[in-house]
């Protein structure tokens, strides 16, 4: 296995684990789409959705990079 293929396989495994840990089922509630992208190849490795509730209070979203 080449070094690039090994890196991409490890990145794919990590992306799958992250999405599996945070994703919630799509059930009609407001959702955020979470995507994991490999910055070296600009390839999306995994996508999932996270539900959130709107309760009238102001919420602040933070971007984590």
PDB file of N, CA and C in Angstrom:
ATOM      1  N   UNK A   1       0.844  -1.167   0.000  1.00  0.00           N
ATOM      2  CA  UNK A   1       0.000   0.000   0.000  1.00  0.00           C
ATOM      3  C   UNK A   1       0.893   1.236   0.000  1.00  0.00           C
ATOM      4  N   UNK A   2       0.600   2.158  -0.895  1.00  0.00           N
ATOM      5  CA  UNK A   2       1.400   3.373  -0.968  1.00  0.00           C
ATOM      6  C   UNK A   2       1.124   4.261   0.246  1.00  0.00           C
ATOM      7  N   UNK A   3       2.022   5.190   0.485  1.00  0.00           N
ATOM      8  CA  UNK A   3       1.866   6.105   1.620  1.00  0.00           C
ATOM      9  C   UNK A   3       0.613   6.960   1.467  1.00  0.00           C
ATOM     10  N   UNK A   4       0.323   7.411   0.230  1.00  0.00           N
ATOM     11  CA  UNK A   4      -0.874   8.225   0.001  1.00  0.00           C
ATOM     12  C   UNK A   4      -2.146   7.428   0.254  1.00  0.00           C
ATOM     13  N   UNK A   5      -2.165   6.190  -0.202  1.00  0.00           N
ATOM     14  CA  UNK A   5      -3.336   5.347   0.010  1.00  0.00           C
ATOM     15  C   UNK A   5      -3.526   5.030   1.491  1.00  0.00           C
ATOM     16  N   UNK A   6      -2.437   4.792   2.193  1.00  0.00           N
ATOM     17  CA  UNK A   6      -2.514   4.531   3.634  1.00  0.00           C
ATOM     18  C   UNK A   6      -3.027   5.761   4.379  1.00  0.00           C
ATOM     19  N   UNK A   7      -2.557   6.955   3.998  1.00  0.00           N
ATOM     20  CA  UNK A   7      -3.024   8.186   4.622  1.00  0.00           C
ATOM     21  C   UNK A   7      -4.504   8.400   4.361  1.00  0.00           C
ATOM     22  N   UNK A   8      -4.927   8.184   3.129  1.00  0.00           N
ATOM     23  CA  UNK A   8      -6.330   8.376   2.784  1.00  0.00           C
ATOM     24  C   UNK A   8      -7.219   7.356   3.506  1.00  0.00           C
ATOM     25  N   UNK A   9      -6.767   6.117   3.632  1.00  0.00           N
ATOM     26  CA  UNK A   9      -7.538   5.100   4.355  1.00  0.00           C
ATOM     27  C   UNK A   9      -7.679   5.474   5.829  1.00  0.00           C
ATOM     28  N   UNK A  10      -6.611   5.964   6.434  1.00  0.00           N
ATOM     29  CA  UNK A  10      -6.660   6.391   7.834  1.00  0.00           C
ATOM     30  C   UNK A  10      -7.580   7.604   7.993  1.00  0.00           C
ATOM     31  N   UNK A  11      -7.521   8.529   7.056  1.00  0.00           N
ATOM     32  CA  UNK A  11      -8.383   9.709   7.097  1.00  0.00           C
ATOM     33  C   UNK A  11      -9.844   9.308   6.949  1.00  0.00           C
ATOM     34  N   UNK A  12     -10.130   8.369   6.055  1.00  0.00           N
ATOM     35  CA  UNK A  12     -11.498   7.898   5.854  1.00  0.00           C
ATOM     36  C   UNK A  12     -12.035   7.236   7.113  1.00  0.00           C
ATOM     37  N   UNK A  13     -11.217   6.435   7.758  1.00  0.00           N
ATOM     38  CA  UNK A  13     -11.631   5.770   8.998  1.00  0.00           C
ATOM     39  C   UNK A  13     -11.939   6.800  10.093  1.00  0.00           C
ATOM     40  N   UNK A  14     -11.085   7.800  10.216  1.00  0.00           N
ATOM     41  CA  UNK A  14     -11.305   8.847  11.223  1.00  0.00           C
ATOM     42  C   UNK A  14     -12.576   9.632  10.908  1.00  0.00           C
ATOM     43  N   UNK A  15     -12.801   9.965   9.643  1.00  0.00           N
ATOM     44  CA  UNK A  15     -13.999  10.706   9.237  1.00  0.00           C
ATOM     45  C   UNK A  15     -15.255   9.903   9.550  1.00  0.00           C
ATOM     46  N   UNK A  16     -15.245   8.618   9.251  1.00  0.00           N
ATOM     47  CA  UNK A  16     -16.393   7.762   9.528  1.00  0.00           C
ATOM     48  C   UNK A  16     -16.678   7.700  11.023  1.00  0.00           C
ATOM     49  N   UNK A  17     -15.637   7.631  11.837  1.00  0.00           N
ATOM     50  CA  UNK A  17     -15.811   7.588  13.288  1.00  0.00           C
ATOM     51  C   UNK A  17     -16.408   8.885  13.823  1.00  0.00           C
ATOM     52  N   UNK A  18     -15.944  10.010  13.310  1.00  0.00           N
ATOM     53  CA  UNK A  18     -16.450  11.313  13.764  1.00  0.00           C
ATOM     54  C   UNK A  18     -17.935  11.444  13.422  1.00  0.00           C
ATOM     55  N   UNK A  19     -18.307  11.136  12.202  1.00  0.00           N
ATOM     56  CA  UNK A  19     -19.702  11.258  11.787  1.00  0.00           C
ATOM     57  C   UNK A  19     -20.579  10.281  12.561  1.00  0.00           C
ATOM     58  N   UNK A  20     -20.119   9.071  12.757  1.00  0.00           N
ATOM     59  CA  UNK A  20     -20.897   8.094  13.530  1.00  0.00           C
ATOM     60  C   UNK A  20     -21.121   8.570  14.959  1.00  0.00           C
ATOM     61  N   UNK A  21     -20.165   9.286  15.516  1.00  0.00           N
ATOM     62  CA  UNK A  21     -20.272   9.748  16.901  1.00  0.00           C
ATOM     63  C   UNK A  21     -21.253  10.909  17.060  1.00  0.00           C
ATOM     64  N   UNK A  22     -21.410  11.745  16.039  1.00  0.00           N
ATOM     65  CA  UNK A  22     -22.236  12.944  16.198  1.00  0.00           C
ATOM     66  C   UNK A  22     -23.545  12.918  15.422  1.00  0.00           C
ATOM     67  N   UNK A  23     -23.677  12.083  14.419  1.00  0.00           N
ATOM     68  CA  UNK A  23     -24.855  12.109  13.554  1.00  0.00           C
ATOM     69  C   UNK A  23     -26.111  11.657  14.288  1.00  0.00           C
ATOM     70  N   UNK A  24     -27.235  12.289  13.928  1.00  0.00           N
ATOM     71  CA  UNK A  24     -28.540  11.892  14.434  1.00  0.00           C
ATOM     72  C   UNK A  24     -29.436  11.572  13.242  1.00  0.00           C
ATOM     73  N   UNK A  25     -30.474  10.756  13.456  1.00  0.00           N
ATOM     74  CA  UNK A  25     -31.372  10.428  12.337  1.00  0.00           C
ATOM     75  C   UNK A  25     -32.105  11.664  11.822  1.00  0.00           C
ATOM     76  N   UNK A  26     -32.354  11.698  10.545  1.00  0.00           N
ATOM     77  CA  UNK A  26     -33.127  12.780   9.940  1.00  0.00           C
ATOM     78  C   UNK A  26     -34.591  12.499  10.265  1.00  0.00           C
ATOM     79  N   UNK A  27     -35.220  13.381  11.044  1.00  0.00           N
ATOM     80  CA  UNK A  27     -36.578  13.104  11.505  1.00  0.00           C
ATOM     81  C   UNK A  27     -37.506  14.317  11.430  1.00  0.00           C
ATOM     82  N   UNK A  28     -37.203  15.260  10.566  1.00  0.00           N
ATOM     83  CA  UNK A  28     -38.074  16.415  10.395  1.00  0.00           C
ATOM     84  C   UNK A  28     -37.713  17.618  11.257  1.00  0.00           C
ATOM     85  N   UNK A  29     -36.841  17.440  12.251  1.00  0.00           N
ATOM     86  CA  UNK A  29     -36.388  18.578  13.053  1.00  0.00           C
ATOM     87  C   UNK A  29     -35.380  19.376  12.245  1.00  0.00           C
ATOM     88  N   UNK A  30     -35.104  20.629  12.661  1.00  0.00           N
ATOM     89  CA  UNK A  30     -34.051  21.393  11.988  1.00  0.00           C
ATOM     90  C   UNK A  30     -32.716  20.634  12.085  1.00  0.00           C
ATOM     91  N   UNK A  31     -31.985  20.642  11.007  1.00  0.00           N
ATOM     92  CA  UNK A  31     -30.748  19.868  10.944  1.00  0.00           C
ATOM     93  C   UNK A  31     -29.581  20.741  10.477  1.00  0.00           C
ATOM     94  N   UNK A  32     -28.403  20.373  10.939  1.00  0.00           N
ATOM     95  CA  UNK A  32     -27.152  20.920  10.417  1.00  0.00           C
ATOM     96  C   UNK A  32     -26.454  19.803   9.671  1.00  0.00           C
ATOM     97  N   UNK A  33     -25.901  20.117   8.520  1.00  0.00           N
ATOM     98  CA  UNK A  33     -25.123  19.120   7.787  1.00  0.00           C
ATOM     99  C   UNK A  33     -23.669  19.240   8.226  1.00  0.00           C
ATOM    100  N   UNK A  34     -23.087  18.126   8.619  1.00  0.00           N
ATOM    101  CA  UNK A  34     -21.701  18.066   9.049  1.00  0.00           C
ATOM    102  C   UNK A  34     -20.920  17.307   7.975  1.00  0.00           C
ATOM    103  N   UNK A  35     -19.893  17.921   7.456  1.00  0.00           N
ATOM    104  CA  UNK A  35     -19.079  17.272   6.430  1.00  0.00           C
ATOM    105  C   UNK A  35     -17.624  17.256   6.871  1.00  0.00           C
ATOM    106  N   UNK A  36     -16.957  16.162   6.568  1.00  0.00           N
ATOM    107  CA  UNK A  36     -15.531  16.032   6.853  1.00  0.00           C
ATOM    108  C   UNK A  36     -14.819  15.995   5.513  1.00  0.00           C
ATOM    109  N   UNK A  37     -13.880  16.919   5.329  1.00  0.00           N
ATOM    110  CA  UNK A  37     -13.170  17.043   4.062  1.00  0.00           C
ATOM    111  C   UNK A  37     -11.679  16.885   4.278  1.00  0.00           C
ATOM    112  N   UNK A  38     -11.050  16.139   3.391  1.00  0.00           N
ATOM    113  CA  UNK A  38      -9.596  15.976   3.425  1.00  0.00           C
ATOM    114  C   UNK A  38      -8.981  17.231   2.802  1.00  0.00           C
ATOM    115  N   UNK A  39      -8.246  18.027   3.588  1.00  0.00           N
ATOM    116  CA  UNK A  39      -7.715  19.282   3.054  1.00  0.00           C
ATOM    117  C   UNK A  39      -6.640  19.093   1.989  1.00  0.00           C
ATOM    118  N   UNK A  40      -5.988  17.959   1.984  1.00  0.00           N
ATOM    119  CA  UNK A  40      -4.937  17.747   0.982  1.00  0.00           C
ATOM    120  C   UNK A  40      -5.510  17.473  -0.403  1.00  0.00           C
ATOM    121  N   UNK A  41      -6.644  16.764  -0.450  1.00  0.00           N
ATOM    122  CA  UNK A  41      -7.238  16.411  -1.753  1.00  0.00           C
ATOM    123  C   UNK A  41      -8.539  17.148  -2.015  1.00  0.00           C
ATOM    124  N   UNK A  42      -9.012  17.901  -1.002  1.00  0.00           N
ATOM    125  CA  UNK A  42     -10.293  18.604  -1.085  1.00  0.00           C
ATOM    126  C   UNK A  42     -11.437  17.640  -1.400  1.00  0.00           C
ATOM    127  N   UNK A  43     -11.347  16.422  -0.873  1.00  0.00           N
ATOM    128  CA  UNK A  43     -12.351  15.387  -1.080  1.00  0.00           C
ATOM    129  C   UNK A  43     -13.202  15.250   0.173  1.00  0.00           C
ATOM    130  N   UNK A  44     -14.511  15.242  -0.005  1.00  0.00           N
ATOM    131  CA  UNK A  44     -15.404  15.011   1.128  1.00  0.00           C
ATOM    132  C   UNK A  44     -15.350  13.531   1.474  1.00  0.00           C
ATOM    133  N   UNK A  45     -15.006  13.245   2.728  1.00  0.00           N
ATOM    134  CA  UNK A  45     -14.851  11.863   3.164  1.00  0.00           C
ATOM    135  C   UNK A  45     -16.108  11.316   3.824  1.00  0.00           C
ATOM    136  N   UNK A  46     -16.884  12.161   4.478  1.00  0.00           N
ATOM    137  CA  UNK A  46     -18.087  11.710   5.164  1.00  0.00           C
ATOM    138  C   UNK A  46     -19.030  12.886   5.379  1.00  0.00           C
ATOM    139  N   UNK A  47     -20.319  12.582   5.430  1.00  0.00           N
ATOM    140  CA  UNK A  47     -21.340  13.591   5.675  1.00  0.00           C
ATOM    141  C   UNK A  47     -22.371  13.008   6.627  1.00  0.00           C
ATOM    142  N   UNK A  48     -22.841  13.826   7.550  1.00  0.00           N
ATOM    143  CA  UNK A  48     -23.901  13.410   8.455  1.00  0.00           C
ATOM    144  C   UNK A  48     -24.727  14.620   8.845  1.00  0.00           C
ATOM    145  N   UNK A  49     -25.768  14.378   9.601  1.00  0.00           N
ATOM    146  CA  UNK A  49     -26.659  15.454  10.027  1.00  0.00           C
ATOM    147  C   UNK A  49     -26.805  15.432  11.536  1.00  0.00           C
ATOM    148  N   UNK A  50     -26.928  16.616  12.124  1.00  0.00           N
ATOM    149  CA  UNK A  50     -27.122  16.771  13.555  1.00  0.00           C
ATOM    150  C   UNK A  50     -28.371  17.622  13.753  1.00  0.00           C
ATOM    151  N   UNK A  51     -29.322  17.100  14.539  1.00  0.00           N
ATOM    152  CA  UNK A  51     -30.562  17.829  14.805  1.00  0.00           C
ATOM    153  C   UNK A  51     -30.329  18.861  15.898  1.00  0.00           C
ATOM    154  N   UNK A  52     -31.113  19.916  15.855  1.00  0.00           N
ATOM    155  CA  UNK A  52     -31.093  20.903  16.922  1.00  0.00           C
ATOM    156  C   UNK A  52     -32.525  21.359  17.164  1.00  0.00           C
ATOM    157  N   UNK A  53     -32.778  21.871  18.347  1.00  0.00           N
ATOM    158  CA  UNK A  53     -34.107  22.329  18.710  1.00  0.00           C
ATOM    159  C   UNK A  53     -34.124  23.845  18.806  1.00  0.00           C
ATOM    160  N   UNK A  54     -35.233  24.424  18.417  1.00  0.00           N
ATOM    161  CA  UNK A  54     -35.426  25.865  18.501  1.00  0.00           C
ATOM    162  C   UNK A  54     -36.396  26.102  19.651  1.00  0.00           C
ATOM    163  N   UNK A  55     -35.928  26.764  20.678  1.00  0.00           N
ATOM    164  CA  UNK A  55     -36.783  26.989  21.838  1.00  0.00           C
ATOM    165  C   UNK A  55     -37.005  28.472  22.126  1.00  0.00           C
ATOM    166  N   UNK A  56     -36.715  29.333  21.180  1.00  0.00           N
ATOM    167  CA  UNK A  56     -36.951  30.758  21.368  1.00  0.00           C
ATOM    168  C   UNK A  56     -35.788  31.533  21.956  1.00  0.00           C
ATOM    169  N   UNK A  57     -34.830  30.843  22.554  1.00  0.00           N
ATOM    170  CA  UNK A  57     -33.659  31.540  23.096  1.00  0.00           C
ATOM    171  C   UNK A  57     -32.633  31.712  21.987  1.00  0.00           C
ATOM    172  N   UNK A  58     -31.886  32.788  22.077  1.00  0.00           N
ATOM    173  CA  UNK A  58     -30.840  33.043  21.082  1.00  0.00           C
ATOM    174  C   UNK A  58     -29.734  31.996  21.245  1.00  0.00           C
ATOM    175  N   UNK A  59     -29.313  31.435  20.166  1.00  0.00           N
ATOM    176  CA  UNK A  59     -28.244  30.451  20.160  1.00  0.00           C
ATOM    177  C   UNK A  59     -27.082  31.004  19.350  1.00  0.00           C
ATOM    178  N   UNK A  60     -25.897  30.582  19.697  1.00  0.00           N
ATOM    179  CA  UNK A  60     -24.722  31.001  18.975  1.00  0.00           C
ATOM    180  C   UNK A  60     -24.062  29.767  18.387  1.00  0.00           C
ATOM    181  N   UNK A  61     -23.828  29.776  17.091  1.00  0.00           N
ATOM    182  CA  UNK A  61     -23.114  28.689  16.432  1.00  0.00           C
ATOM    183  C   UNK A  61     -21.652  29.079  16.340  1.00  0.00           C
ATOM    184  N   UNK A  62     -20.806  28.119  16.581  1.00  0.00           N
ATOM    185  CA  UNK A  62     -19.369  28.357  16.480  1.00  0.00           C
ATOM    186  C   UNK A  62     -18.804  27.444  15.423  1.00  0.00           C
ATOM    187  N   UNK A  63     -17.904  27.978  14.640  1.00  0.00           N
ATOM    188  CA  UNK A  63     -17.199  27.196  13.642  1.00  0.00           C
ATOM    189  C   UNK A  63     -15.928  26.671  14.257  1.00  0.00           C
ATOM    190  N   UNK A  64     -15.712  25.378  14.114  1.00  0.00           N
ATOM    191  CA  UNK A  64     -14.507  24.753  14.636  1.00  0.00           C
ATOM    192  C   UNK A  64     -13.691  24.280  13.453  1.00  0.00           C
ATOM    193  N   UNK A  65     -12.437  24.691  13.408  1.00  0.00           N
ATOM    194  CA  UNK A  65     -11.603  24.267  12.289  1.00  0.00           C
ATOM    195  C   UNK A  65     -10.386  23.551  12.774  1.00  0.00           C
TER     196      UNK A  65
END
